[in-house]
Amino acid sequence: MPSEPHQNHLIIIEDDKGRREFVLDAPVYSIGRDAKCDIRLVSQFVSRRHATLLQLPNEDGTHYYRIVDGNLKGKPSANGLLINGRKLQQCDLRNQDEIVFGPQVRAIYYLLKRDAVLTVPPDEFDITLT
């Protein structure tokens, strides 16, 4: 039996509140300092609706996340996004990408892959002689 790949998407935020981890599994996340954001950034240097994470499908049935500057209506953030040192409007995230939202406000994205393990009960006729 072939095993199916299993993925965990994780983003670790570092801001004025410290370090926090978020497991990503929803189709959309809002990121910013607004209290209504799904992932809240605690800093006066980030926009209320700084960025949006979108879950998109891969051909193999898995998915990935794209980060987009600003909100879903197309309004960009004041400072933009630095992803791996480059200012970008959007980016398909890969394992260990660094996203900088502003001074001392950053995130690291992790894509953890592992093969699903099939657990099979032991064969009652399988004995080991010692």
N, C-alpha and C. Protein backbone atom coordinates (compact mmCIF):
# COMPACT_ATOMS: atom_id res chain seq x y z
N MET A 1 0.84 -1.19 0.00
CA MET A 1 0.00 0.00 0.00
C MET A 1 0.87 1.24 0.00
N PRO A 2 0.63 2.18 -0.90
CA PRO A 2 1.42 3.40 -0.87
C PRO A 2 1.00 4.27 0.29
N SER A 3 1.96 4.94 0.88
CA SER A 3 1.64 5.85 1.98
C SER A 3 1.39 7.24 1.40
N GLU A 4 0.48 7.96 2.03
CA GLU A 4 0.15 9.30 1.56
C GLU A 4 0.97 10.32 2.34
N PRO A 5 1.48 11.35 1.65
CA PRO A 5 2.24 12.36 2.38
C PRO A 5 1.33 13.15 3.31
N HIS A 6 1.88 13.54 4.44
CA HIS A 6 1.13 14.34 5.40
C HIS A 6 1.91 15.63 5.62
N GLN A 7 1.20 16.76 5.65
CA GLN A 7 1.84 18.06 5.80
C GLN A 7 1.30 18.79 7.02
N ASN A 8 2.17 19.52 7.64
CA ASN A 8 1.78 20.47 8.67
C ASN A 8 2.36 21.82 8.28
N HIS A 9 1.51 22.85 8.28
CA HIS A 9 1.94 24.21 7.98
C HIS A 9 1.97 24.97 9.29
N LEU A 10 3.07 25.66 9.55
CA LEU A 10 3.28 26.34 10.82
C LEU A 10 3.89 27.71 10.54
N ILE A 11 3.43 28.71 11.26
CA ILE A 11 4.07 30.02 11.18
C ILE A 11 4.40 30.47 12.60
N ILE A 12 5.62 30.91 12.78
CA ILE A 12 6.07 31.40 14.09
C ILE A 12 6.25 32.90 13.98
N ILE A 13 5.51 33.63 14.81
CA ILE A 13 5.52 35.09 14.81
C ILE A 13 6.40 35.58 15.95
N GLU A 14 7.22 36.59 15.67
CA GLU A 14 7.99 37.28 16.71
C GLU A 14 7.67 38.76 16.59
N ASP A 15 7.13 39.34 17.69
CA ASP A 15 6.77 40.76 17.71
C ASP A 15 6.95 41.30 19.11
N ASP A 16 6.32 42.43 19.42
CA ASP A 16 6.47 43.06 20.74
C ASP A 16 5.90 42.18 21.86
N LYS A 17 5.04 41.23 21.53
CA LYS A 17 4.46 40.34 22.54
C LYS A 17 5.33 39.11 22.78
N GLY A 18 6.32 38.90 21.94
CA GLY A 18 7.18 37.72 22.08
C GLY A 18 7.04 36.79 20.90
N ARG A 19 7.19 35.50 21.17
CA ARG A 19 7.17 34.47 20.12
C ARG A 19 5.93 33.60 20.28
N ARG A 20 5.19 33.44 19.17
CA ARG A 20 3.99 32.61 19.19
C ARG A 20 3.94 31.73 17.95
N GLU A 21 3.37 30.54 18.10
CA GLU A 21 3.23 29.60 16.99
C GLU A 21 1.77 29.46 16.58
N PHE A 22 1.55 29.38 15.28
CA PHE A 22 0.21 29.16 14.74
C PHE A 22 0.28 28.00 13.76
N VAL A 23 -0.55 27.00 13.97
CA VAL A 23 -0.69 25.91 13.02
C VAL A 23 -1.71 26.37 11.98
N LEU A 24 -1.32 26.28 10.70
CA LEU A 24 -2.19 26.76 9.63
C LEU A 24 -2.96 25.60 9.03
N ASP A 25 -4.29 25.73 9.02
CA ASP A 25 -5.11 24.72 8.35
C ASP A 25 -6.35 25.32 7.70
N ALA A 26 -6.62 26.60 7.93
CA ALA A 26 -7.78 27.27 7.34
C ALA A 26 -7.45 27.77 5.93
N PRO A 27 -8.48 28.04 5.12
CA PRO A 27 -8.24 28.50 3.76
C PRO A 27 -7.74 29.95 3.66
N VAL A 28 -8.06 30.80 4.66
CA VAL A 28 -7.66 32.20 4.62
C VAL A 28 -7.33 32.67 6.04
N TYR A 29 -6.25 33.47 6.15
CA TYR A 29 -5.89 34.12 7.42
C TYR A 29 -5.60 35.59 7.15
N SER A 30 -6.15 36.46 8.00
CA SER A 30 -5.77 37.87 7.96
C SER A 30 -4.67 38.07 9.01
N ILE A 31 -3.69 38.90 8.66
CA ILE A 31 -2.54 39.17 9.54
C ILE A 31 -2.40 40.67 9.70
N GLY A 32 -2.32 41.14 10.95
CA GLY A 32 -2.13 42.57 11.19
C GLY A 32 -2.35 42.92 12.64
N ARG A 33 -2.34 44.22 12.94
CA ARG A 33 -2.48 44.64 14.34
C ARG A 33 -3.92 44.81 14.79
N ASP A 34 -4.87 44.74 13.85
CA ASP A 34 -6.29 44.84 14.20
C ASP A 34 -6.67 43.64 15.07
N ALA A 35 -7.44 43.88 16.13
CA ALA A 35 -7.86 42.81 17.04
C ALA A 35 -8.70 41.76 16.33
N LYS A 36 -9.31 42.09 15.20
CA LYS A 36 -10.14 41.14 14.45
C LYS A 36 -9.32 40.24 13.53
N CYS A 37 -8.03 40.47 13.40
CA CYS A 37 -7.20 39.64 12.52
C CYS A 37 -7.06 38.23 13.10
N ASP A 38 -6.96 37.26 12.20
CA ASP A 38 -6.78 35.87 12.63
C ASP A 38 -5.43 35.69 13.32
N ILE A 39 -4.39 36.32 12.76
CA ILE A 39 -3.06 36.30 13.37
C ILE A 39 -2.72 37.75 13.68
N ARG A 40 -2.73 38.06 14.98
CA ARG A 40 -2.53 39.45 15.41
C ARG A 40 -1.06 39.74 15.64
N LEU A 41 -0.61 40.85 15.04
CA LEU A 41 0.76 41.32 15.24
C LEU A 41 0.73 42.48 16.23
N VAL A 42 1.57 42.40 17.25
CA VAL A 42 1.59 43.42 18.28
C VAL A 42 2.78 44.34 18.02
N SER A 43 2.51 45.44 17.32
CA SER A 43 3.52 46.44 17.02
C SER A 43 2.84 47.66 16.40
N GLN A 44 3.33 48.83 16.74
CA GLN A 44 2.79 50.05 16.14
C GLN A 44 3.29 50.24 14.70
N PHE A 45 4.26 49.44 14.27
CA PHE A 45 4.87 49.60 12.95
C PHE A 45 4.23 48.75 11.86
N VAL A 46 3.17 48.03 12.18
CA VAL A 46 2.50 47.22 11.16
C VAL A 46 1.10 47.76 10.91
N SER A 47 0.57 47.47 9.73
CA SER A 47 -0.78 47.94 9.36
C SER A 47 -1.84 47.12 10.08
N ARG A 48 -3.03 47.73 10.15
CA ARG A 48 -4.15 47.02 10.78
C ARG A 48 -4.43 45.71 10.04
N ARG A 49 -4.42 45.74 8.72
CA ARG A 49 -4.59 44.54 7.88
C ARG A 49 -3.35 44.46 7.00
N HIS A 50 -2.28 43.93 7.55
CA HIS A 50 -0.98 43.99 6.89
C HIS A 50 -0.83 42.99 5.75
N ALA A 51 -1.35 41.77 5.94
CA ALA A 51 -1.17 40.73 4.92
C ALA A 51 -2.29 39.70 5.02
N THR A 52 -2.37 38.87 3.99
CA THR A 52 -3.35 37.80 3.94
C THR A 52 -2.66 36.51 3.51
N LEU A 53 -2.97 35.42 4.20
CA LEU A 53 -2.47 34.09 3.81
C LEU A 53 -3.61 33.35 3.12
N LEU A 54 -3.32 32.80 1.95
CA LEU A 54 -4.31 32.04 1.19
C LEU A 54 -3.83 30.61 1.00
N GLN A 55 -4.69 29.65 1.26
CA GLN A 55 -4.38 28.24 1.05
C GLN A 55 -4.76 27.88 -0.40
N LEU A 56 -3.81 27.32 -1.15
CA LEU A 56 -4.06 26.96 -2.54
C LEU A 56 -3.67 25.50 -2.77
N PRO A 57 -4.35 24.81 -3.72
CA PRO A 57 -4.08 23.38 -3.92
C PRO A 57 -2.87 23.10 -4.80
N ASN A 58 -2.16 22.02 -4.48
CA ASN A 58 -1.13 21.46 -5.35
C ASN A 58 -1.78 20.38 -6.20
N GLU A 59 -1.12 19.98 -7.28
CA GLU A 59 -1.65 18.93 -8.15
C GLU A 59 -1.73 17.57 -7.47
N ASP A 60 -0.89 17.33 -6.46
CA ASP A 60 -0.85 16.01 -5.81
C ASP A 60 -1.88 15.88 -4.67
N GLY A 61 -2.76 16.86 -4.53
CA GLY A 61 -3.78 16.78 -3.49
C GLY A 61 -3.40 17.48 -2.19
N THR A 62 -2.15 17.88 -2.05
CA THR A 62 -1.73 18.65 -0.88
C THR A 62 -2.04 20.13 -1.15
N HIS A 63 -1.62 21.01 -0.27
CA HIS A 63 -1.82 22.43 -0.49
C HIS A 63 -0.62 23.23 -0.02
N TYR A 64 -0.60 24.49 -0.40
CA TYR A 64 0.46 25.41 0.01
C TYR A 64 -0.19 26.74 0.37
N TYR A 65 0.61 27.64 0.95
CA TYR A 65 0.10 28.96 1.32
C TYR A 65 0.81 30.05 0.53
N ARG A 66 0.02 31.02 0.10
CA ARG A 66 0.54 32.22 -0.56
C ARG A 66 0.27 33.39 0.37
N ILE A 67 1.29 34.22 0.59
CA ILE A 67 1.09 35.44 1.37
C ILE A 67 0.97 36.61 0.40
N VAL A 68 -0.01 37.47 0.68
CA VAL A 68 -0.30 38.62 -0.17
C VAL A 68 -0.25 39.86 0.71
N ASP A 69 0.41 40.90 0.23
CA ASP A 69 0.48 42.17 0.96
C ASP A 69 -0.91 42.79 1.03
N GLY A 70 -1.32 43.24 2.21
CA GLY A 70 -2.59 43.93 2.38
C GLY A 70 -3.76 42.99 2.59
N ASN A 71 -4.96 43.51 2.30
CA ASN A 71 -6.17 42.73 2.54
C ASN A 71 -6.68 42.12 1.22
N LEU A 72 -7.76 41.36 1.31
CA LEU A 72 -8.31 40.69 0.13
C LEU A 72 -8.96 41.66 -0.86
N LYS A 73 -9.24 42.87 -0.43
CA LYS A 73 -9.85 43.86 -1.32
C LYS A 73 -8.80 44.61 -2.15
N GLY A 74 -7.52 44.28 -1.95
CA GLY A 74 -6.46 44.90 -2.74
C GLY A 74 -5.79 46.10 -2.11
N LYS A 75 -6.19 46.46 -0.88
CA LYS A 75 -5.55 47.59 -0.20
C LYS A 75 -4.22 47.12 0.39
N PRO A 76 -3.08 47.67 -0.08
CA PRO A 76 -1.78 47.23 0.43
C PRO A 76 -1.49 47.78 1.82
N SER A 77 -0.53 47.16 2.49
CA SER A 77 -0.08 47.67 3.79
C SER A 77 0.78 48.91 3.58
N ALA A 78 1.02 49.65 4.65
CA ALA A 78 1.83 50.87 4.55
C ALA A 78 3.30 50.55 4.25
N ASN A 79 3.85 49.50 4.88
CA ASN A 79 5.27 49.21 4.76
C ASN A 79 5.60 48.05 3.82
N GLY A 80 4.60 47.29 3.41
CA GLY A 80 4.86 46.15 2.53
C GLY A 80 5.42 44.96 3.27
N LEU A 81 5.86 43.97 2.49
CA LEU A 81 6.41 42.72 3.02
C LEU A 81 7.82 42.52 2.50
N LEU A 82 8.71 42.09 3.38
CA LEU A 82 10.03 41.64 2.97
C LEU A 82 10.04 40.12 3.16
N ILE A 83 10.22 39.40 2.08
CA ILE A 83 10.26 37.94 2.15
C ILE A 83 11.63 37.49 1.73
N ASN A 84 12.34 36.88 2.67
CA ASN A 84 13.73 36.47 2.45
C ASN A 84 14.58 37.64 1.93
N GLY A 85 14.33 38.83 2.49
CA GLY A 85 15.12 40.01 2.15
C GLY A 85 14.68 40.76 0.91
N ARG A 86 13.63 40.30 0.23
CA ARG A 86 13.15 40.95 -0.99
C ARG A 86 11.76 41.52 -0.77
N LYS A 87 11.55 42.76 -1.22
CA LYS A 87 10.22 43.37 -1.08
C LYS A 87 9.32 42.80 -2.18
N LEU A 88 8.24 42.12 -1.75
CA LEU A 88 7.34 41.46 -2.69
C LEU A 88 5.89 41.79 -2.35
N GLN A 89 5.04 41.80 -3.38
CA GLN A 89 3.60 41.99 -3.19
C GLN A 89 2.93 40.69 -2.76
N GLN A 90 3.48 39.57 -3.25
CA GLN A 90 2.96 38.26 -2.88
C GLN A 90 4.05 37.22 -3.11
N CYS A 91 3.87 36.07 -2.44
CA CYS A 91 4.88 35.01 -2.54
C CYS A 91 4.26 33.68 -2.14
N ASP A 92 4.53 32.63 -2.93
CA ASP A 92 4.16 31.28 -2.53
C ASP A 92 5.21 30.82 -1.53
N LEU A 93 4.77 30.54 -0.33
CA LEU A 93 5.70 30.26 0.76
C LEU A 93 6.31 28.87 0.66
N ARG A 94 7.60 28.81 0.99
CA ARG A 94 8.33 27.55 1.06
C ARG A 94 8.92 27.41 2.46
N ASN A 95 9.31 26.20 2.80
CA ASN A 95 9.83 25.91 4.13
C ASN A 95 10.94 26.89 4.53
N GLN A 96 10.82 27.46 5.70
CA GLN A 96 11.77 28.35 6.35
C GLN A 96 11.86 29.73 5.70
N ASP A 97 10.83 30.13 4.95
CA ASP A 97 10.80 31.50 4.43
C ASP A 97 10.63 32.47 5.60
N GLU A 98 11.36 33.59 5.53
CA GLU A 98 11.25 34.63 6.55
C GLU A 98 10.44 35.80 6.00
N ILE A 99 9.45 36.22 6.76
CA ILE A 99 8.59 37.34 6.37
C ILE A 99 8.80 38.45 7.38
N VAL A 100 9.20 39.63 6.91
CA VAL A 100 9.37 40.78 7.80
C VAL A 100 8.23 41.76 7.52
N PHE A 101 7.47 42.07 8.58
CA PHE A 101 6.34 42.97 8.48
C PHE A 101 6.72 44.40 8.84
N GLY A 102 7.74 44.55 9.68
CA GLY A 102 8.19 45.86 10.13
C GLY A 102 9.33 45.66 11.12
N PRO A 103 9.83 46.78 11.70
CA PRO A 103 10.92 46.66 12.66
C PRO A 103 10.57 45.71 13.81
N GLN A 104 11.39 44.72 14.00
CA GLN A 104 11.26 43.73 15.07
C GLN A 104 9.94 42.96 15.03
N VAL A 105 9.37 42.83 13.83
CA VAL A 105 8.16 42.03 13.64
C VAL A 105 8.40 41.12 12.44
N ARG A 106 8.53 39.83 12.72
CA ARG A 106 8.82 38.91 11.64
C ARG A 106 8.14 37.57 11.88
N ALA A 107 8.16 36.75 10.85
CA ALA A 107 7.58 35.42 10.95
C ALA A 107 8.47 34.46 10.17
N ILE A 108 8.47 33.21 10.59
CA ILE A 108 9.12 32.13 9.85
C ILE A 108 8.04 31.11 9.54
N TYR A 109 7.97 30.72 8.27
CA TYR A 109 6.98 29.74 7.81
C TYR A 109 7.68 28.37 7.72
N TYR A 110 7.01 27.36 8.21
CA TYR A 110 7.54 25.99 8.14
C TYR A 110 6.52 25.08 7.46
N LEU A 111 7.00 24.30 6.52
CA LEU A 111 6.20 23.25 5.90
C LEU A 111 6.85 21.93 6.32
N LEU A 112 6.17 21.22 7.21
CA LEU A 112 6.71 19.97 7.74
C LEU A 112 6.04 18.82 7.01
N LYS A 113 6.84 18.03 6.32
CA LYS A 113 6.30 16.89 5.56
C LYS A 113 6.78 15.60 6.20
N ARG A 114 5.88 14.64 6.21
CA ARG A 114 6.27 13.30 6.63
C ARG A 114 5.34 12.31 5.95
N ASP A 115 5.81 11.12 5.75
CA ASP A 115 4.97 10.08 5.16
C ASP A 115 4.06 9.52 6.23
N ALA A 116 2.82 9.29 5.88
CA ALA A 116 1.89 8.68 6.82
C ALA A 116 2.36 7.26 7.11
N VAL A 117 2.30 6.87 8.36
CA VAL A 117 2.75 5.54 8.76
C VAL A 117 1.53 4.65 8.88
N LEU A 118 1.59 3.54 8.18
CA LEU A 118 0.50 2.57 8.26
C LEU A 118 0.80 1.63 9.41
N THR A 119 -0.11 1.56 10.35
CA THR A 119 0.08 0.66 11.48
C THR A 119 -0.68 -0.63 11.21
N VAL A 120 0.04 -1.72 11.24
CA VAL A 120 -0.52 -3.03 10.96
C VAL A 120 -0.35 -3.87 12.21
N PRO A 121 -1.39 -4.57 12.63
CA PRO A 121 -1.21 -5.42 13.81
C PRO A 121 -0.21 -6.53 13.51
N PRO A 122 0.53 -6.98 14.51
CA PRO A 122 1.52 -8.02 14.27
C PRO A 122 0.85 -9.32 13.80
N ASP A 123 1.56 -10.02 12.96
CA ASP A 123 1.08 -11.31 12.45
C ASP A 123 1.15 -12.33 13.58
N GLU A 124 0.04 -13.00 13.85
CA GLU A 124 0.01 -13.94 14.97
C GLU A 124 0.94 -15.14 14.74
N PHE A 125 1.31 -15.38 13.48
CA PHE A 125 2.20 -16.51 13.18
C PHE A 125 3.66 -16.10 13.05
N ASP A 126 3.94 -14.81 13.25
CA ASP A 126 5.31 -14.32 13.15
C ASP A 126 5.95 -14.48 14.52
N ILE A 127 6.86 -15.44 14.64
CA ILE A 127 7.54 -15.66 15.91
C ILE A 127 9.04 -15.52 15.70
N THR A 128 9.71 -15.10 16.72
CA THR A 128 11.15 -14.96 16.66
C THR A 128 11.75 -15.96 17.63
N LEU A 129 12.65 -16.79 17.10
CA LEU A 129 13.33 -17.78 17.95
C LEU A 129 14.61 -17.20 18.45
N THR A 130 14.87 -17.37 19.72
CA THR A 130 16.12 -16.87 20.28
C THR A 130 16.96 -18.00 20.79
